[in-house]
Amino acid sequence: MREEYDFTGAQRAQDVPALAKLQAEAAVGKTRITIFIDADVLAAFRTRAEAEGKSYQILINEALRSVVQPEQAPVTVETLCRVLREELHAG
């Protein structure tokens, strides 16, 4: 690698049609925001993301989705145990 690079003639991705198209396709249904998250919460998401081989942004999005759309949330061990107890007591 070079110690220094010259970007004086560089173009922004949005000014290169092929790159602008790729960025637009990747951003379908997504909105860029700025949000403050506690450092320990972010660290936990990053650790979990590394262990699961996902990005921490995906995990945060999944966590938020489970709150706003609980019917689509994955089944947790706690939920499974509760449902099994309810069904066993009902029968």
N, C-alpha and C. Protein backbone atom coordinates (compact mmCIF):
# COMPACT_ATOMS: atom_id res chain seq x y z
N MET A 1 0.83 -1.18 0.00
CA MET A 1 0.00 0.00 0.00
C MET A 1 0.87 1.24 0.00
N ARG A 2 0.36 2.25 -0.61
CA ARG A 2 1.06 3.53 -0.61
C ARG A 2 0.85 4.23 0.73
N GLU A 3 1.77 5.10 1.04
CA GLU A 3 1.61 5.88 2.26
C GLU A 3 0.61 7.00 2.06
N GLU A 4 0.46 7.45 0.80
CA GLU A 4 -0.43 8.56 0.52
C GLU A 4 -1.13 8.34 -0.81
N TYR A 5 -2.37 8.74 -0.90
CA TYR A 5 -3.15 8.62 -2.14
C TYR A 5 -3.66 10.00 -2.54
N ASP A 6 -3.77 10.21 -3.86
CA ASP A 6 -4.25 11.48 -4.38
C ASP A 6 -5.68 11.31 -4.87
N PHE A 7 -6.61 11.94 -4.19
CA PHE A 7 -8.03 11.84 -4.55
C PHE A 7 -8.55 13.12 -5.19
N THR A 8 -7.67 13.97 -5.67
CA THR A 8 -8.12 15.25 -6.23
C THR A 8 -9.02 15.07 -7.45
N GLY A 9 -8.85 14.00 -8.22
CA GLY A 9 -9.69 13.78 -9.39
C GLY A 9 -10.82 12.80 -9.14
N ALA A 10 -11.02 12.43 -7.90
CA ALA A 10 -12.05 11.43 -7.57
C ALA A 10 -13.45 12.01 -7.70
N GLN A 11 -14.39 11.12 -8.01
CA GLN A 11 -15.79 11.52 -8.08
C GLN A 11 -16.56 10.85 -6.95
N ARG A 12 -17.62 11.51 -6.52
CA ARG A 12 -18.49 10.91 -5.51
C ARG A 12 -19.29 9.80 -6.17
N ALA A 13 -19.63 8.77 -5.43
CA ALA A 13 -20.37 7.63 -5.97
C ALA A 13 -21.66 8.08 -6.63
N GLN A 14 -22.32 9.07 -6.05
CA GLN A 14 -23.58 9.55 -6.62
C GLN A 14 -23.40 10.22 -7.98
N ASP A 15 -22.17 10.59 -8.34
CA ASP A 15 -21.90 11.21 -9.63
C ASP A 15 -21.47 10.21 -10.70
N VAL A 16 -21.31 8.95 -10.31
CA VAL A 16 -20.97 7.88 -11.25
C VAL A 16 -22.22 7.02 -11.41
N PRO A 17 -22.86 7.04 -12.58
CA PRO A 17 -24.16 6.38 -12.74
C PRO A 17 -24.21 4.93 -12.24
N ALA A 18 -23.22 4.12 -12.57
CA ALA A 18 -23.25 2.72 -12.15
C ALA A 18 -23.19 2.59 -10.62
N LEU A 19 -22.36 3.42 -9.98
CA LEU A 19 -22.26 3.38 -8.52
C LEU A 19 -23.50 3.96 -7.86
N ALA A 20 -24.05 5.00 -8.45
CA ALA A 20 -25.28 5.59 -7.90
C ALA A 20 -26.41 4.58 -7.95
N LYS A 21 -26.48 3.80 -9.02
CA LYS A 21 -27.52 2.77 -9.15
C LYS A 21 -27.34 1.69 -8.08
N LEU A 22 -26.10 1.25 -7.86
CA LEU A 22 -25.83 0.25 -6.83
C LEU A 22 -26.22 0.75 -5.44
N GLN A 23 -25.90 2.00 -5.15
CA GLN A 23 -26.25 2.57 -3.85
C GLN A 23 -27.76 2.66 -3.69
N ALA A 24 -28.45 3.05 -4.74
CA ALA A 24 -29.90 3.16 -4.67
C ALA A 24 -30.54 1.80 -4.45
N GLU A 25 -30.04 0.77 -5.13
CA GLU A 25 -30.59 -0.58 -4.98
C GLU A 25 -30.34 -1.12 -3.57
N ALA A 26 -29.18 -0.83 -3.02
CA ALA A 26 -28.83 -1.32 -1.68
C ALA A 26 -29.65 -0.63 -0.60
N ALA A 27 -30.13 0.58 -0.89
CA ALA A 27 -30.83 1.36 0.12
C ALA A 27 -32.34 1.25 0.04
N VAL A 28 -32.86 0.37 -0.82
CA VAL A 28 -34.31 0.25 -0.96
C VAL A 28 -34.91 -0.15 0.38
N GLY A 29 -35.87 0.63 0.83
CA GLY A 29 -36.54 0.33 2.08
C GLY A 29 -35.76 0.70 3.32
N LYS A 30 -34.63 1.33 3.17
CA LYS A 30 -33.80 1.69 4.32
C LYS A 30 -33.66 3.21 4.37
N THR A 31 -33.51 3.73 5.59
CA THR A 31 -33.31 5.16 5.79
C THR A 31 -32.12 5.35 6.69
N ARG A 32 -31.22 6.24 6.28
CA ARG A 32 -30.05 6.54 7.10
C ARG A 32 -30.45 7.55 8.17
N ILE A 33 -30.11 7.24 9.43
CA ILE A 33 -30.38 8.14 10.54
C ILE A 33 -29.15 8.23 11.43
N THR A 34 -29.17 9.20 12.31
CA THR A 34 -28.16 9.28 13.35
C THR A 34 -28.86 9.02 14.67
N ILE A 35 -28.30 8.13 15.47
CA ILE A 35 -28.93 7.75 16.73
C ILE A 35 -27.84 7.56 17.78
N PHE A 36 -28.15 7.94 19.00
CA PHE A 36 -27.22 7.72 20.10
C PHE A 36 -27.64 6.46 20.84
N ILE A 37 -26.72 5.52 20.95
CA ILE A 37 -26.96 4.25 21.64
C ILE A 37 -25.92 4.13 22.74
N ASP A 38 -26.33 3.67 23.90
CA ASP A 38 -25.39 3.50 25.01
C ASP A 38 -24.24 2.58 24.57
N ALA A 39 -23.04 2.93 25.01
CA ALA A 39 -21.84 2.20 24.60
C ALA A 39 -21.91 0.71 24.94
N ASP A 40 -22.46 0.38 26.12
CA ASP A 40 -22.52 -1.02 26.51
C ASP A 40 -23.52 -1.81 25.64
N VAL A 41 -24.60 -1.15 25.23
CA VAL A 41 -25.59 -1.79 24.36
C VAL A 41 -24.98 -2.05 22.99
N LEU A 42 -24.30 -1.06 22.45
CA LEU A 42 -23.65 -1.22 21.15
C LEU A 42 -22.59 -2.31 21.21
N ALA A 43 -21.82 -2.34 22.27
CA ALA A 43 -20.78 -3.37 22.43
C ALA A 43 -21.41 -4.76 22.45
N ALA A 44 -22.55 -4.88 23.13
CA ALA A 44 -23.23 -6.18 23.20
C ALA A 44 -23.71 -6.60 21.81
N PHE A 45 -24.26 -5.67 21.04
CA PHE A 45 -24.70 -6.00 19.68
C PHE A 45 -23.51 -6.38 18.80
N ARG A 46 -22.42 -5.66 18.94
CA ARG A 46 -21.23 -5.97 18.13
C ARG A 46 -20.67 -7.35 18.48
N THR A 47 -20.63 -7.68 19.76
CA THR A 47 -20.14 -8.99 20.20
C THR A 47 -21.03 -10.10 19.67
N ARG A 48 -22.33 -9.91 19.82
CA ARG A 48 -23.28 -10.92 19.33
C ARG A 48 -23.21 -11.04 17.82
N ALA A 49 -23.07 -9.91 17.13
CA ALA A 49 -22.98 -9.92 15.67
C ALA A 49 -21.76 -10.70 15.20
N GLU A 50 -20.65 -10.50 15.86
CA GLU A 50 -19.43 -11.21 15.50
C GLU A 50 -19.61 -12.72 15.70
N ALA A 51 -20.25 -13.09 16.79
CA ALA A 51 -20.47 -14.51 17.09
C ALA A 51 -21.41 -15.15 16.08
N GLU A 52 -22.40 -14.38 15.59
CA GLU A 52 -23.39 -14.92 14.66
C GLU A 52 -23.01 -14.71 13.19
N GLY A 53 -21.93 -13.96 12.95
CA GLY A 53 -21.51 -13.72 11.58
C GLY A 53 -22.42 -12.76 10.83
N LYS A 54 -23.03 -11.84 11.56
CA LYS A 54 -23.91 -10.83 10.96
C LYS A 54 -23.35 -9.45 11.29
N SER A 55 -23.95 -8.43 10.70
CA SER A 55 -23.55 -7.07 11.08
C SER A 55 -24.39 -6.64 12.28
N TYR A 56 -23.82 -5.78 13.09
CA TYR A 56 -24.55 -5.33 14.27
C TYR A 56 -25.76 -4.49 13.88
N GLN A 57 -25.70 -3.82 12.72
CA GLN A 57 -26.85 -3.04 12.28
C GLN A 57 -28.04 -3.95 12.00
N ILE A 58 -27.79 -5.12 11.42
CA ILE A 58 -28.86 -6.08 11.14
C ILE A 58 -29.47 -6.55 12.46
N LEU A 59 -28.65 -6.85 13.45
CA LEU A 59 -29.16 -7.30 14.74
C LEU A 59 -29.99 -6.21 15.43
N ILE A 60 -29.53 -4.98 15.36
CA ILE A 60 -30.30 -3.87 15.95
C ILE A 60 -31.63 -3.73 15.22
N ASN A 61 -31.61 -3.83 13.90
CA ASN A 61 -32.84 -3.73 13.12
C ASN A 61 -33.81 -4.87 13.49
N GLU A 62 -33.28 -6.08 13.64
CA GLU A 62 -34.12 -7.22 14.03
C GLU A 62 -34.73 -7.00 15.42
N ALA A 63 -33.94 -6.46 16.34
CA ALA A 63 -34.44 -6.20 17.69
C ALA A 63 -35.55 -5.15 17.66
N LEU A 64 -35.35 -4.10 16.90
CA LEU A 64 -36.38 -3.06 16.79
C LEU A 64 -37.64 -3.61 16.11
N ARG A 65 -37.46 -4.43 15.08
CA ARG A 65 -38.61 -5.02 14.38
C ARG A 65 -39.42 -5.91 15.33
N SER A 66 -38.75 -6.65 16.22
CA SER A 66 -39.47 -7.53 17.14
C SER A 66 -40.32 -6.72 18.11
N VAL A 67 -39.97 -5.47 18.35
CA VAL A 67 -40.78 -4.62 19.23
C VAL A 67 -41.97 -4.05 18.47
N VAL A 68 -41.76 -3.59 17.25
CA VAL A 68 -42.86 -2.96 16.50
C VAL A 68 -43.74 -3.98 15.80
N GLN A 69 -43.23 -5.19 15.57
CA GLN A 69 -44.01 -6.27 14.94
C GLN A 69 -43.81 -7.55 15.74
N PRO A 70 -44.33 -7.61 16.97
CA PRO A 70 -44.05 -8.77 17.83
C PRO A 70 -44.54 -10.09 17.24
N GLU A 71 -45.54 -10.05 16.38
CA GLU A 71 -46.04 -11.29 15.78
C GLU A 71 -45.03 -11.91 14.82
N GLN A 72 -44.05 -11.15 14.39
CA GLN A 72 -43.02 -11.67 13.48
C GLN A 72 -41.70 -11.94 14.20
N ALA A 73 -41.67 -11.72 15.50
CA ALA A 73 -40.43 -11.92 16.27
C ALA A 73 -40.12 -13.41 16.36
N PRO A 74 -38.85 -13.77 16.37
CA PRO A 74 -38.50 -15.18 16.52
C PRO A 74 -38.91 -15.69 17.91
N VAL A 75 -39.18 -16.96 17.98
CA VAL A 75 -39.59 -17.57 19.26
C VAL A 75 -38.36 -17.68 20.16
N THR A 76 -38.50 -17.19 21.37
CA THR A 76 -37.41 -17.29 22.34
C THR A 76 -37.64 -18.53 23.21
N VAL A 77 -36.62 -18.92 23.92
CA VAL A 77 -36.73 -20.06 24.83
C VAL A 77 -37.78 -19.76 25.89
N GLU A 78 -37.79 -18.54 26.40
CA GLU A 78 -38.75 -18.16 27.42
C GLU A 78 -40.18 -18.28 26.90
N THR A 79 -40.42 -17.80 25.69
CA THR A 79 -41.76 -17.89 25.10
C THR A 79 -42.17 -19.33 24.89
N LEU A 80 -41.25 -20.14 24.39
CA LEU A 80 -41.54 -21.55 24.17
C LEU A 80 -41.89 -22.25 25.48
N CYS A 81 -41.13 -22.01 26.53
CA CYS A 81 -41.41 -22.61 27.84
C CYS A 81 -42.77 -22.18 28.37
N ARG A 82 -43.09 -20.89 28.23
CA ARG A 82 -44.38 -20.39 28.71
C ARG A 82 -45.53 -21.06 27.97
N VAL A 83 -45.43 -21.16 26.65
CA VAL A 83 -46.50 -21.78 25.85
C VAL A 83 -46.63 -23.25 26.21
N LEU A 84 -45.52 -23.95 26.37
CA LEU A 84 -45.59 -25.36 26.74
C LEU A 84 -46.25 -25.55 28.11
N ARG A 85 -45.88 -24.70 29.08
CA ARG A 85 -46.51 -24.79 30.41
C ARG A 85 -48.02 -24.56 30.32
N GLU A 86 -48.40 -23.53 29.54
CA GLU A 86 -49.82 -23.24 29.39
C GLU A 86 -50.56 -24.42 28.76
N GLU A 87 -49.99 -25.01 27.74
CA GLU A 87 -50.63 -26.13 27.05
C GLU A 87 -50.69 -27.37 27.93
N LEU A 88 -49.64 -27.62 28.70
CA LEU A 88 -49.63 -28.80 29.59
C LEU A 88 -50.66 -28.66 30.71
N HIS A 89 -50.83 -27.44 31.23
CA HIS A 89 -51.82 -27.22 32.28
C HIS A 89 -53.24 -27.22 31.73
N ALA A 90 -53.39 -26.86 30.47
CA ALA A 90 -54.73 -26.82 29.86
C ALA A 90 -55.23 -28.24 29.56
N GLY A 91 -54.30 -29.18 29.32
CA GLY A 91 -54.69 -30.54 28.93
C GLY A 91 -54.92 -31.45 30.03
